[in-house]
Amino acid sequence: MHKESLINHLLSSQLILDESGAKEGSIVANLGCGSNGYLVFKLAEIVGKHGTVYALDIIKTSLEAIKRQIKLHNTVNIQTIWSDLDLFRAAKIKNNSLDSALLLNTLHQSKDKKTMIAEATRLLKPGGRLIIVDWKKVAAPLGPQPEHKVDKELAISLAKTNGLSLIKEFLPGRYHFGLTFTKI
């Protein structure tokens, strides 16, 4: 199955993009973008030439794959950034600069979920949106083991502790939960 088809089979990428609130001229980040960067490139189309998309990941080979795609498609509004999101202030992006940030299938990989959410919050402008999509704690034919999945209520609690307000819960796919927060 093609990557785009697989992503859309598991998750509604359009719903996630809609929840991000991204529009022409927005500054957005996909935190933990992975190697295919599917949503990175979709976001780049949405924000246009006056917007910016940051593709962050801790895996350098993932960022190299994104860079190859940027070059191949001559995309000028995507910047790749190597960062450990479990370290506060590690991402080389200005405080309060993002209109939206996405943590897609990333939070469950964190050893310090509170710090990861704090780092995402630091980057958001007041009124900016954080979209968290992660695996539900249910049996699934793929994805992490149940003990590695994030409890949705924990994600909500950690986000509120970091100064975020829950706007909406949504269902991005059968095996995932979706949460939309705004920075107060």
C-alpha atoms as a PDB file:
ATOM      1  CA  MET A   1       0.000   0.000   0.000  1.00  0.00           C
ATOM      2  CA  HIS A   2       1.347   3.469  -0.936  1.00  0.00           C
ATOM      3  CA  LYS A   3       2.328   5.683   2.050  1.00  0.00           C
ATOM      4  CA  GLU A   4      -0.397   8.246   1.325  1.00  0.00           C
ATOM      5  CA  SER A   5      -3.026   5.504   1.058  1.00  0.00           C
ATOM      6  CA  LEU A   6      -1.812   3.892   4.284  1.00  0.00           C
ATOM      7  CA  ILE A   7      -1.931   7.202   6.155  1.00  0.00           C
ATOM      8  CA  ASN A   8      -5.436   7.953   4.913  1.00  0.00           C
ATOM      9  CA  HIS A   9      -6.494   4.390   5.728  1.00  0.00           C
ATOM     10  CA  LEU A  10      -5.373   4.807   9.355  1.00  0.00           C
ATOM     11  CA  LEU A  11      -6.006   8.522   9.844  1.00  0.00           C
ATOM     12  CA  SER A  12      -8.066  11.224   8.223  1.00  0.00           C
ATOM     13  CA  SER A  13      -5.261  13.544   7.200  1.00  0.00           C
ATOM     14  CA  GLN A  14      -7.798  16.118   5.977  1.00  0.00           C
ATOM     15  CA  LEU A  15      -9.506  16.205   9.374  1.00  0.00           C
ATOM     16  CA  ILE A  16      -6.136  16.703  11.076  1.00  0.00           C
ATOM     17  CA  LEU A  17      -5.207  19.482   8.642  1.00  0.00           C
ATOM     18  CA  ASP A  18      -8.571  21.160   9.240  1.00  0.00           C
ATOM     19  CA  GLU A  19      -8.097  20.936  13.017  1.00  0.00           C
ATOM     20  CA  SER A  20      -4.668  22.568  12.718  1.00  0.00           C
ATOM     21  CA  GLY A  21      -6.295  25.809  11.576  1.00  0.00           C
ATOM     22  CA  ALA A  22      -3.424  26.279   9.103  1.00  0.00           C
ATOM     23  CA  LYS A  23      -4.086  28.798   6.351  1.00  0.00           C
ATOM     24  CA  GLU A  24      -2.187  30.972   3.897  1.00  0.00           C
ATOM     25  CA  GLY A  25       0.711  32.634   5.723  1.00  0.00           C
ATOM     26  CA  SER A  26       0.560  30.434   8.845  1.00  0.00           C
ATOM     27  CA  ILE A  27       3.650  29.270  10.713  1.00  0.00           C
ATOM     28  CA  VAL A  28       3.226  25.632  11.701  1.00  0.00           C
ATOM     29  CA  ALA A  29       5.313  22.714  12.928  1.00  0.00           C
ATOM     30  CA  ASN A  30       4.999  18.975  12.616  1.00  0.00           C
ATOM     31  CA  LEU A  31       6.755  17.833  15.786  1.00  0.00           C
ATOM     32  CA  GLY A  32       8.065  14.328  15.205  1.00  0.00           C
ATOM     33  CA  CYS A  33       7.421  14.456  11.463  1.00  0.00           C
ATOM     34  CA  GLY A  34       8.890  11.066  10.592  1.00  0.00           C
ATOM     35  CA  SER A  35      10.567  10.198   7.316  1.00  0.00           C
ATOM     36  CA  ASN A  36       7.741  10.505   4.811  1.00  0.00           C
ATOM     37  CA  GLY A  37       6.664  14.021   5.791  1.00  0.00           C
ATOM     38  CA  TYR A  38       3.267  13.528   4.205  1.00  0.00           C
ATOM     39  CA  LEU A  39       1.550  16.140   6.372  1.00  0.00           C
ATOM     40  CA  VAL A  40       4.590  18.421   6.199  1.00  0.00           C
ATOM     41  CA  PHE A  41       4.129  18.741   2.441  1.00  0.00           C
ATOM     42  CA  LYS A  42       0.344  19.077   2.711  1.00  0.00           C
ATOM     43  CA  LEU A  43       0.838  21.857   5.280  1.00  0.00           C
ATOM     44  CA  ALA A  44       3.344  23.550   2.971  1.00  0.00           C
ATOM     45  CA  GLU A  45       0.680  23.681   0.245  1.00  0.00           C
ATOM     46  CA  ILE A  46      -1.827  25.211   2.669  1.00  0.00           C
ATOM     47  CA  VAL A  47       0.447  27.898   4.175  1.00  0.00           C
ATOM     48  CA  GLY A  48       1.781  28.902   0.767  1.00  0.00           C
ATOM     49  CA  LYS A  49       4.812  30.971  -0.081  1.00  0.00           C
ATOM     50  CA  HIS A  50       4.251  33.430   2.770  1.00  0.00           C
ATOM     51  CA  GLY A  51       3.984  30.690   5.424  1.00  0.00           C
ATOM     52  CA  THR A  52       6.512  28.378   7.015  1.00  0.00           C
ATOM     53  CA  VAL A  53       6.398  24.724   7.973  1.00  0.00           C
ATOM     54  CA  TYR A  54       8.933  23.343  10.435  1.00  0.00           C
ATOM     55  CA  ALA A  55       9.582  19.606  10.184  1.00  0.00           C
ATOM     56  CA  LEU A  56      11.130  18.458  13.478  1.00  0.00           C
ATOM     57  CA  ASP A  57      12.429  15.031  14.336  1.00  0.00           C
ATOM     58  CA  ILE A  58      15.091  13.431  16.498  1.00  0.00           C
ATOM     59  CA  ILE A  59      15.991  10.888  13.815  1.00  0.00           C
ATOM     60  CA  LYS A  60      18.450  12.513  11.445  1.00  0.00           C
ATOM     61  CA  THR A  61      17.781  10.029   8.626  1.00  0.00           C
ATOM     62  CA  SER A  62      14.107  11.029   8.729  1.00  0.00           C
ATOM     63  CA  LEU A  63      15.079  14.655   8.252  1.00  0.00           C
ATOM     64  CA  GLU A  64      17.452  13.717   5.419  1.00  0.00           C
ATOM     65  CA  ALA A  65      14.542  11.967   3.659  1.00  0.00           C
ATOM     66  CA  ILE A  66      12.423  15.119   4.064  1.00  0.00           C
ATOM     67  CA  LYS A  67      15.291  17.252   2.724  1.00  0.00           C
ATOM     68  CA  ARG A  68      15.508  15.046  -0.383  1.00  0.00           C
ATOM     69  CA  GLN A  69      11.786  15.545  -0.986  1.00  0.00           C
ATOM     70  CA  ILE A  70      12.135  19.309  -0.466  1.00  0.00           C
ATOM     71  CA  LYS A  71      14.885  19.414  -3.087  1.00  0.00           C
ATOM     72  CA  LEU A  72      13.038  17.092  -5.475  1.00  0.00           C
ATOM     73  CA  HIS A  73       9.881  19.224  -5.357  1.00  0.00           C
ATOM     74  CA  ASN A  74      11.719  22.563  -5.045  1.00  0.00           C
ATOM     75  CA  THR A  75       9.734  23.412  -1.911  1.00  0.00           C
ATOM     76  CA  VAL A  76      10.877  26.678  -0.347  1.00  0.00           C
ATOM     77  CA  ASN A  77       8.666  27.023   2.740  1.00  0.00           C
ATOM     78  CA  ILE A  78       9.750  23.934   4.744  1.00  0.00           C
ATOM     79  CA  GLN A  79      12.606  24.003   7.230  1.00  0.00           C
ATOM     80  CA  THR A  80      13.909  20.815   8.826  1.00  0.00           C
ATOM     81  CA  ILE A  81      15.093  20.958  12.419  1.00  0.00           C
ATOM     82  CA  TRP A  82      16.777  18.230  14.423  1.00  0.00           C
ATOM     83  CA  SER A  83      15.493  18.292  17.983  1.00  0.00           C
ATOM     84  CA  ASP A  84      14.852  16.129  21.005  1.00  0.00           C
ATOM     85  CA  LEU A  85      11.334  17.156  22.009  1.00  0.00           C
ATOM     86  CA  ASP A  86      11.859  15.623  25.450  1.00  0.00           C
ATOM     87  CA  LEU A  87      14.226  18.514  26.234  1.00  0.00           C
ATOM     88  CA  PHE A  88      12.692  21.871  27.076  1.00  0.00           C
ATOM     89  CA  ARG A  89      13.960  24.703  24.842  1.00  0.00           C
ATOM     90  CA  ALA A  90      15.803  22.263  22.559  1.00  0.00           C
ATOM     91  CA  ALA A  91      13.847  23.079  19.392  1.00  0.00           C
ATOM     92  CA  LYS A  92      15.526  25.966  17.605  1.00  0.00           C
ATOM     93  CA  ILE A  93      12.303  27.882  17.026  1.00  0.00           C
ATOM     94  CA  LYS A  94      11.415  31.160  18.728  1.00  0.00           C
ATOM     95  CA  ASN A  95       9.062  31.169  21.704  1.00  0.00           C
ATOM     96  CA  ASN A  96       5.464  32.121  20.893  1.00  0.00           C
ATOM     97  CA  SER A  97       6.013  31.917  17.123  1.00  0.00           C
ATOM     98  CA  LEU A  98       3.767  29.106  15.855  1.00  0.00           C
ATOM     99  CA  ASP A  99       0.154  29.371  14.802  1.00  0.00           C
ATOM    100  CA  SER A 100      -0.169  25.610  15.217  1.00  0.00           C
ATOM    101  CA  ALA A 101       1.834  22.529  16.108  1.00  0.00           C
ATOM    102  CA  LEU A 102       1.073  18.882  15.491  1.00  0.00           C
ATOM    103  CA  LEU A 103       2.135  15.926  17.643  1.00  0.00           C
ATOM    104  CA  LEU A 104       1.038  13.014  15.473  1.00  0.00           C
ATOM    105  CA  ASN A 105       1.865   9.525  16.741  1.00  0.00           C
ATOM    106  CA  THR A 106       4.724  11.148  18.652  1.00  0.00           C
ATOM    107  CA  LEU A 107       3.636  11.511  22.283  1.00  0.00           C
ATOM    108  CA  HIS A 108       3.613   7.747  22.910  1.00  0.00           C
ATOM    109  CA  GLN A 109       7.327   7.654  21.993  1.00  0.00           C
ATOM    110  CA  SER A 110       8.261  10.233  24.616  1.00  0.00           C
ATOM    111  CA  LYS A 111      10.054   9.354  27.838  1.00  0.00           C
ATOM    112  CA  ASP A 112       8.963  12.722  29.272  1.00  0.00           C
ATOM    113  CA  LYS A 113       5.483  13.508  27.965  1.00  0.00           C
ATOM    114  CA  LYS A 114       5.040  16.548  30.220  1.00  0.00           C
ATOM    115  CA  THR A 115       8.209  18.150  28.846  1.00  0.00           C
ATOM    116  CA  MET A 116       7.277  17.306  25.259  1.00  0.00           C
ATOM    117  CA  ILE A 117       3.946  19.095  25.675  1.00  0.00           C
ATOM    118  CA  ALA A 118       5.692  21.989  27.479  1.00  0.00           C
ATOM    119  CA  GLU A 119       8.089  22.322  24.531  1.00  0.00           C
ATOM    120  CA  ALA A 120       5.193  22.372  22.051  1.00  0.00           C
ATOM    121  CA  THR A 121       3.380  24.952  24.208  1.00  0.00           C
ATOM    122  CA  ARG A 122       6.486  27.172  24.386  1.00  0.00           C
ATOM    123  CA  LEU A 123       6.545  27.392  20.606  1.00  0.00           C
ATOM    124  CA  LEU A 124       2.873  28.377  20.214  1.00  0.00           C
ATOM    125  CA  LYS A 125       1.618  31.936  19.987  1.00  0.00           C
ATOM    126  CA  PRO A 126      -1.135  32.837  22.467  1.00  0.00           C
ATOM    127  CA  GLY A 127      -4.257  31.506  20.771  1.00  0.00           C
ATOM    128  CA  GLY A 128      -2.179  28.993  18.782  1.00  0.00           C
ATOM    129  CA  ARG A 129      -3.337  25.406  18.405  1.00  0.00           C
ATOM    130  CA  LEU A 130      -1.743  22.145  19.464  1.00  0.00           C
ATOM    131  CA  ILE A 131      -3.124  19.045  17.792  1.00  0.00           C
ATOM    132  CA  ILE A 132      -2.344  15.757  19.512  1.00  0.00           C
ATOM    133  CA  VAL A 133      -3.178  12.563  17.644  1.00  0.00           C
ATOM    134  CA  ASP A 134      -2.018   9.287  19.110  1.00  0.00           C
ATOM    135  CA  TRP A 135      -2.874   5.625  19.427  1.00  0.00           C
ATOM    136  CA  LYS A 136      -5.873   4.690  21.578  1.00  0.00           C
ATOM    137  CA  LYS A 137      -5.256   2.166  24.336  1.00  0.00           C
ATOM    138  CA  VAL A 138      -7.051  -0.554  22.378  1.00  0.00           C
ATOM    139  CA  ALA A 139      -5.888  -3.658  20.575  1.00  0.00           C
ATOM    140  CA  ALA A 140      -4.913  -2.841  17.008  1.00  0.00           C
ATOM    141  CA  PRO A 141      -3.391  -4.822  14.146  1.00  0.00           C
ATOM    142  CA  LEU A 142      -0.402  -2.438  14.108  1.00  0.00           C
ATOM    143  CA  GLY A 143       1.160   0.322  16.143  1.00  0.00           C
ATOM    144  CA  PRO A 144       2.837   0.222  19.548  1.00  0.00           C
ATOM    145  CA  GLN A 145       2.058  -2.328  22.219  1.00  0.00           C
ATOM    146  CA  PRO A 146      -0.849  -1.269  24.504  1.00  0.00           C
ATOM    147  CA  GLU A 147       1.515  -0.546  27.424  1.00  0.00           C
ATOM    148  CA  HIS A 148       3.329   2.039  25.260  1.00  0.00           C
ATOM    149  CA  LYS A 149       0.184   3.865  24.178  1.00  0.00           C
ATOM    150  CA  VAL A 150      -0.809   7.190  25.729  1.00  0.00           C
ATOM    151  CA  ASP A 151      -3.853   7.485  27.924  1.00  0.00           C
ATOM    152  CA  LYS A 152      -6.010  10.240  26.421  1.00  0.00           C
ATOM    153  CA  GLU A 153      -6.912  11.618  29.850  1.00  0.00           C
ATOM    154  CA  LEU A 154      -3.214  11.869  30.730  1.00  0.00           C
ATOM    155  CA  ALA A 155      -2.581  13.848  27.543  1.00  0.00           C
ATOM    156  CA  ILE A 156      -5.431  16.223  28.433  1.00  0.00           C
ATOM    157  CA  SER A 157      -4.171  16.645  31.987  1.00  0.00           C
ATOM    158  CA  LEU A 158      -0.582  17.331  30.883  1.00  0.00           C
ATOM    159  CA  ALA A 159      -1.757  19.837  28.302  1.00  0.00           C
ATOM    160  CA  LYS A 160      -3.867  21.702  30.859  1.00  0.00           C
ATOM    161  CA  THR A 161      -0.915  21.718  33.290  1.00  0.00           C
ATOM    162  CA  ASN A 162       1.115  23.406  30.531  1.00  0.00           C
ATOM    163  CA  GLY A 163      -1.383  26.229  29.975  1.00  0.00           C
ATOM    164  CA  LEU A 164      -3.450  24.752  27.172  1.00  0.00           C
ATOM    165  CA  SER A 165      -7.210  24.663  26.977  1.00  0.00           C
ATOM    166  CA  LEU A 166      -9.021  21.745  25.332  1.00  0.00           C
ATOM    167  CA  ILE A 167     -11.145  23.000  22.444  1.00  0.00           C
ATOM    168  CA  LYS A 168     -12.261  19.704  21.003  1.00  0.00           C
ATOM    169  CA  GLU A 169     -11.873  15.944  20.972  1.00  0.00           C
ATOM    170  CA  PHE A 170     -12.132  14.340  17.539  1.00  0.00           C
ATOM    171  CA  LEU A 171     -11.842  10.903  15.993  1.00  0.00           C
ATOM    172  CA  PRO A 172      -9.107  10.958  13.326  1.00  0.00           C
ATOM    173  CA  GLY A 173      -9.197   7.194  12.826  1.00  0.00           C
ATOM    174  CA  ARG A 174     -10.377   3.918  14.245  1.00  0.00           C
ATOM    175  CA  TYR A 175      -7.255   3.338  16.365  1.00  0.00           C
ATOM    176  CA  HIS A 176      -6.447   6.949  17.282  1.00  0.00           C
ATOM    177  CA  PHE A 177      -7.750   9.764  19.439  1.00  0.00           C
ATOM    178  CA  GLY A 178      -7.489  13.419  18.477  1.00  0.00           C
ATOM    179  CA  LEU A 179      -7.297  16.464  20.748  1.00  0.00           C
ATOM    180  CA  THR A 180      -7.293  20.116  19.759  1.00  0.00           C
ATOM    181  CA  PHE A 181      -5.939  22.589  22.318  1.00  0.00           C
ATOM    182  CA  THR A 182      -5.349  26.316  22.302  1.00  0.00           C
ATOM    183  CA  LYS A 183      -2.691  28.232  24.181  1.00  0.00           C
ATOM    184  CA  ILE A 184      -4.259  30.523  26.754  1.00  0.00           C
END
